[in-house]
Amino acid sequence: MPHSPFVVLIPARLSSSRLPNKPLADLAGLPMVVRVAQRALLSKASQVVVAADDASIVQACEAHGIQALLTRTDHVSGSDRLAEAAKLLGLPDDTIVVNVQGDEPLIEPALMDAVADVLAASPDCSMSTLAHAIDNVADWRSPHVVKVVLNAANRASYFSRASIPVWRDDPADQLPPYPVLRHVGLYAYRVGFLKTFPTLKAAPTELAESLEQLRALWHGHQIAVHVSNHASAAGVDTPEDLARVRVLLEAEVRK
């Protein structure tokens, strides 16, 4: 099946409470954000652009042949930053944009293709995202692991940090006897919706769960979900994550 055309935008913010200057952190000789963009260039995307909040990120990208542009510093979310980037790039409203986080240097390029394809095949949906099966009780219980419940058409019904759908006869030490899904924060949007999204009022559910995608559901927008048959590589949030990914990438470079 032919892939649908799409653009990858990578929001990159210099400040990080747990890992200062995270986009520029060295990973086997390259800044992290450059590593992410290089992964994105292995996808079917027609264009890959880093949307940065600081000139040092733009300079680092351009030094390694990665297209980057400078956006405002006052955006409250990554999607706001991407909306500005889409306008600066002059992307038509029907263009599909895949939002790849700047701290995902191990992300699989095929997953970018998958979320773009599922959105292109779902004209009733405003955006799409990714999920995979939870296979251990620790993740099922963790409030740091976001879960998603789907309907029969693989549209998101709800996202939560809670263990949903609740198993009424829960023995607490095992997974439910039905499929449960972990949400992965890889998104695709059409540019028209991406421009509209920041103007929507924050939802009560979004504020309660601290999950931005609940705003789309609250306002009646549908979200198509691609269910991957395996877990995605973890991103970089902490110094420990950075050390782990460095080891993996340095081993890869030495091959």
Protein backbone atom coordinates (compact mmCIF):
# COMPACT_ATOMS: atom_id res chain seq x y z
CA MET A 1 0.00 0.00 0.00
CA PRO A 2 1.48 3.42 -0.95
CA HIS A 3 2.31 5.72 1.91
CA SER A 4 0.48 9.01 2.34
CA PRO A 5 2.62 12.16 1.96
CA PHE A 6 3.45 13.92 5.21
CA VAL A 7 5.85 16.34 6.89
CA VAL A 8 7.65 15.66 10.18
CA LEU A 9 7.92 18.58 12.60
CA ILE A 10 10.09 18.18 15.71
CA PRO A 11 9.44 20.66 18.55
CA ALA A 12 12.61 21.37 20.53
CA ARG A 13 12.73 23.44 23.72
CA LEU A 14 16.06 24.28 25.35
CA SER A 15 14.84 24.39 28.95
CA SER A 16 14.07 21.14 30.77
CA SER A 17 13.61 20.78 34.51
CA ARG A 18 15.16 17.31 34.69
CA LEU A 19 17.72 17.59 31.90
CA PRO A 20 18.94 21.12 31.05
CA ASN A 21 19.79 21.79 27.38
CA LYS A 22 18.31 18.40 26.50
CA PRO A 23 18.06 18.93 22.70
CA LEU A 24 21.80 19.60 22.54
CA ALA A 25 22.86 16.69 24.77
CA ASP A 26 25.64 14.71 23.10
CA LEU A 27 24.65 11.27 21.79
CA ALA A 28 27.58 9.44 20.21
CA GLY A 29 28.98 12.68 18.80
CA LEU A 30 25.75 14.37 17.69
CA PRO A 31 23.18 16.55 19.48
CA MET A 32 20.07 14.62 20.51
CA VAL A 33 17.74 16.66 18.32
CA VAL A 34 19.93 15.90 15.30
CA ARG A 35 19.73 12.19 16.10
CA VAL A 36 15.93 12.46 16.22
CA ALA A 37 15.81 14.30 12.89
CA GLN A 38 18.08 11.71 11.30
CA ARG A 39 15.64 8.99 12.39
CA ALA A 40 12.78 10.99 10.90
CA LEU A 41 14.65 11.31 7.60
CA LEU A 42 14.53 7.49 7.37
CA SER A 43 10.73 7.66 7.28
CA LYS A 44 8.64 8.36 4.16
CA ALA A 45 8.31 12.05 5.15
CA SER A 46 8.69 14.55 2.32
CA GLN A 47 10.26 17.09 4.70
CA VAL A 48 11.72 17.06 8.24
CA VAL A 49 11.96 20.34 10.15
CA VAL A 50 13.00 21.11 13.74
CA ALA A 51 10.91 23.86 15.36
CA ALA A 52 13.18 25.34 18.03
CA ASP A 53 12.79 27.97 20.73
CA ASP A 54 16.46 28.95 20.79
CA ALA A 55 18.97 29.95 18.11
CA SER A 56 21.56 27.50 19.48
CA ILE A 57 19.29 24.58 18.50
CA VAL A 58 18.81 25.99 15.00
CA GLN A 59 22.57 26.43 14.61
CA ALA A 60 23.29 22.89 15.82
CA CYS A 61 20.77 21.46 13.35
CA GLU A 62 22.01 23.49 10.41
CA ALA A 63 25.61 22.49 11.18
CA HIS A 64 24.56 18.89 10.52
CA GLY A 65 22.38 19.52 7.48
CA ILE A 66 19.05 19.45 9.32
CA GLN A 67 16.41 22.04 8.41
CA ALA A 68 15.35 24.10 11.45
CA LEU A 69 13.44 27.27 12.18
CA LEU A 70 13.17 29.55 15.18
CA THR A 71 9.78 29.83 16.88
CA ARG A 72 8.55 31.94 19.79
CA THR A 73 9.73 31.18 23.31
CA ASP A 74 6.34 31.60 25.00
CA HIS A 75 4.48 28.56 23.62
CA VAL A 76 2.76 26.56 26.34
CA SER A 77 2.89 23.25 24.47
CA GLY A 78 4.58 21.44 21.61
CA SER A 79 1.45 21.59 19.48
CA ASP A 80 1.39 25.41 19.80
CA ARG A 81 4.98 25.48 18.58
CA LEU A 82 4.12 23.23 15.64
CA ALA A 83 1.15 25.42 14.70
CA GLU A 84 3.52 28.38 14.40
CA ALA A 85 6.03 26.27 12.44
CA ALA A 86 3.33 25.15 9.99
CA LYS A 87 2.39 28.79 9.37
CA LEU A 88 6.05 29.83 8.92
CA LEU A 89 6.53 27.01 6.40
CA GLY A 90 3.34 27.93 4.54
CA LEU A 91 1.98 24.38 4.71
CA PRO A 92 -1.51 23.96 3.16
CA ASP A 93 -4.32 23.11 5.59
CA ASP A 94 -4.73 19.56 4.23
CA THR A 95 -1.04 18.66 4.78
CA ILE A 96 -0.48 15.86 7.28
CA VAL A 97 2.10 16.74 9.93
CA VAL A 98 3.67 14.12 12.20
CA ASN A 99 4.78 15.48 15.56
CA VAL A 100 7.97 13.69 16.66
CA GLN A 101 9.23 14.65 20.11
CA GLY A 102 12.79 15.97 20.23
CA ASP A 103 13.75 13.51 22.98
CA GLU A 104 13.00 10.29 21.04
CA PRO A 105 16.36 9.43 19.42
CA LEU A 106 15.48 5.72 19.09
CA ILE A 107 12.02 6.12 17.57
CA GLU A 108 11.25 3.81 14.65
CA PRO A 109 10.76 5.63 11.33
CA ALA A 110 8.05 3.12 10.34
CA LEU A 111 5.87 4.34 13.21
CA MET A 112 5.87 7.85 11.71
CA ASP A 113 4.65 6.34 8.44
CA ALA A 114 1.98 4.39 10.31
CA VAL A 115 0.38 7.33 12.13
CA ALA A 116 0.38 9.39 8.93
CA ASP A 117 -1.24 6.54 7.00
CA VAL A 118 -3.95 5.90 9.60
CA LEU A 119 -4.90 9.59 9.62
CA ALA A 120 -4.96 9.75 5.82
CA ALA A 121 -7.30 6.74 5.84
CA SER A 122 -9.58 8.35 8.46
CA PRO A 123 -11.18 11.49 7.01
CA ASP A 124 -13.56 11.62 10.00
CA CYS A 125 -10.61 12.10 12.39
CA SER A 126 -8.73 15.29 13.20
CA MET A 127 -5.60 13.55 14.45
CA SER A 128 -4.02 10.16 14.98
CA THR A 129 -1.68 8.57 17.48
CA LEU A 130 -0.04 5.31 18.54
CA ALA A 131 -0.59 2.58 21.13
CA HIS A 132 0.67 -0.90 21.98
CA ALA A 133 -0.33 -3.68 24.35
CA ILE A 134 0.72 -3.46 28.00
CA ASP A 135 2.45 -6.68 29.01
CA ASN A 136 3.34 -6.16 32.66
CA VAL A 137 1.52 -5.20 35.87
CA ALA A 138 3.97 -2.42 36.78
CA ASP A 139 3.12 -0.44 33.63
CA TRP A 140 -0.59 -1.18 34.06
CA ARG A 141 -0.46 0.29 37.58
CA SER A 142 1.88 3.22 36.90
CA PRO A 143 0.39 6.74 36.68
CA HIS A 144 3.38 7.60 34.50
CA VAL A 145 2.14 5.20 31.81
CA VAL A 146 -0.78 6.67 29.88
CA LYS A 147 -3.48 4.20 28.85
CA VAL A 148 -6.00 4.50 26.03
CA VAL A 149 -9.35 2.78 25.48
CA LEU A 150 -10.51 2.32 21.88
CA ASN A 151 -13.88 1.80 20.25
CA ALA A 152 -14.65 -0.77 17.56
CA ALA A 153 -13.25 1.47 14.83
CA ASN A 154 -9.91 2.00 16.64
CA ARG A 155 -10.84 5.54 17.61
CA ALA A 156 -9.79 6.74 21.05
CA SER A 157 -12.61 6.77 23.61
CA TYR A 158 -10.47 8.08 26.47
CA PHE A 159 -6.89 8.48 27.68
CA SER A 160 -5.93 8.23 31.35
CA ARG A 161 -3.09 7.78 33.79
CA ALA A 162 -5.41 5.41 35.65
CA SER A 163 -5.63 1.70 34.81
CA ILE A 164 -8.49 1.77 32.30
CA PRO A 165 -10.76 0.07 31.53
CA VAL A 166 -11.13 -0.84 35.21
CA TRP A 167 -11.18 -4.57 35.99
CA ARG A 168 -13.99 -4.86 38.53
CA ASP A 169 -12.73 -8.20 39.92
CA ASP A 170 -9.18 -6.83 40.08
CA PRO A 171 -6.86 -9.06 42.16
CA ALA A 172 -4.20 -6.29 42.01
CA ASP A 173 -1.30 -8.54 41.06
CA GLN A 174 -2.04 -9.45 37.45
CA LEU A 175 -3.10 -7.94 34.16
CA PRO A 176 -6.80 -7.97 33.20
CA PRO A 177 -8.07 -10.84 31.03
CA TYR A 178 -8.72 -8.40 28.16
CA PRO A 179 -6.34 -6.26 26.05
CA VAL A 180 -5.06 -3.07 27.69
CA LEU A 181 -3.13 -0.45 25.74
CA ARG A 182 -0.33 1.97 26.46
CA HIS A 183 -0.52 5.29 24.65
CA VAL A 184 2.64 6.49 22.91
CA GLY A 185 2.96 10.25 22.35
CA LEU A 186 3.48 10.20 18.60
CA TYR A 187 0.83 12.26 16.78
CA ALA A 188 -0.26 13.17 13.28
CA TYR A 189 -2.53 16.12 12.47
CA ARG A 190 -3.81 17.93 9.43
CA VAL A 191 -2.43 21.46 9.40
CA GLY A 192 -5.91 23.01 9.53
CA PHE A 193 -6.63 21.26 12.81
CA LEU A 194 -3.14 21.94 14.14
CA LYS A 195 -3.79 25.67 13.68
CA THR A 196 -7.19 25.38 15.39
CA PHE A 197 -6.12 23.23 18.33
CA PRO A 198 -4.30 25.92 20.36
CA THR A 199 -7.41 28.13 20.16
CA LEU A 200 -9.63 25.50 21.81
CA LYS A 201 -10.42 25.96 25.48
CA ALA A 202 -8.58 23.56 27.79
CA ALA A 203 -10.82 20.66 28.86
CA PRO A 204 -11.57 19.77 32.50
CA THR A 205 -10.37 16.23 31.74
CA GLU A 206 -7.15 17.59 30.25
CA LEU A 207 -6.45 19.62 33.37
CA ALA A 208 -7.28 16.69 35.66
CA GLU A 209 -5.08 14.17 33.84
CA SER A 210 -2.48 16.61 32.45
CA LEU A 211 -3.00 15.07 29.01
CA GLU A 212 -3.33 17.55 26.16
CA GLN A 213 -4.97 15.09 23.73
CA LEU A 214 -8.08 15.02 25.94
CA ARG A 215 -8.82 18.56 24.74
CA ALA A 216 -9.47 17.21 21.24
CA LEU A 217 -11.90 14.56 22.54
CA TRP A 218 -13.65 17.09 24.81
CA HIS A 219 -14.38 19.32 21.82
CA GLY A 220 -15.74 16.43 19.75
CA HIS A 221 -12.74 15.65 17.56
CA GLN A 222 -11.98 12.02 16.80
CA ILE A 223 -8.53 10.49 17.20
CA ALA A 224 -7.55 7.46 15.09
CA VAL A 225 -5.16 5.05 16.81
CA HIS A 226 -2.59 2.79 15.18
CA VAL A 227 -1.93 -0.22 17.41
CA SER A 228 1.65 -1.40 17.05
CA ASN A 229 2.47 -5.05 17.66
CA HIS A 230 5.45 -4.18 19.86
CA ALA A 231 6.57 -1.60 22.40
CA SER A 232 8.29 1.58 21.28
CA ALA A 233 11.76 2.60 22.44
CA ALA A 234 11.71 4.82 25.52
CA GLY A 235 12.52 8.52 25.23
CA VAL A 236 15.01 10.60 27.21
CA ASP A 237 13.59 12.36 30.27
CA THR A 238 16.30 11.97 32.89
CA PRO A 239 20.13 11.78 33.13
CA GLU A 240 19.72 8.02 33.60
CA ASP A 241 17.79 7.79 30.32
CA LEU A 242 20.50 9.80 28.59
CA ALA A 243 23.23 7.47 29.83
CA ARG A 244 21.26 4.40 28.68
CA VAL A 245 20.64 5.78 25.19
CA ARG A 246 24.28 6.89 24.87
CA VAL A 247 25.42 3.31 25.44
CA LEU A 248 23.01 1.99 22.83
CA LEU A 249 23.92 4.56 20.19
CA GLU A 250 27.67 4.30 20.79
CA ALA A 251 27.41 0.55 20.28
CA GLU A 252 25.45 1.16 17.07
CA VAL A 253 28.02 3.63 15.79
CA ARG A 254 30.84 1.17 16.42
CA LYS A 255 29.23 -1.54 14.28
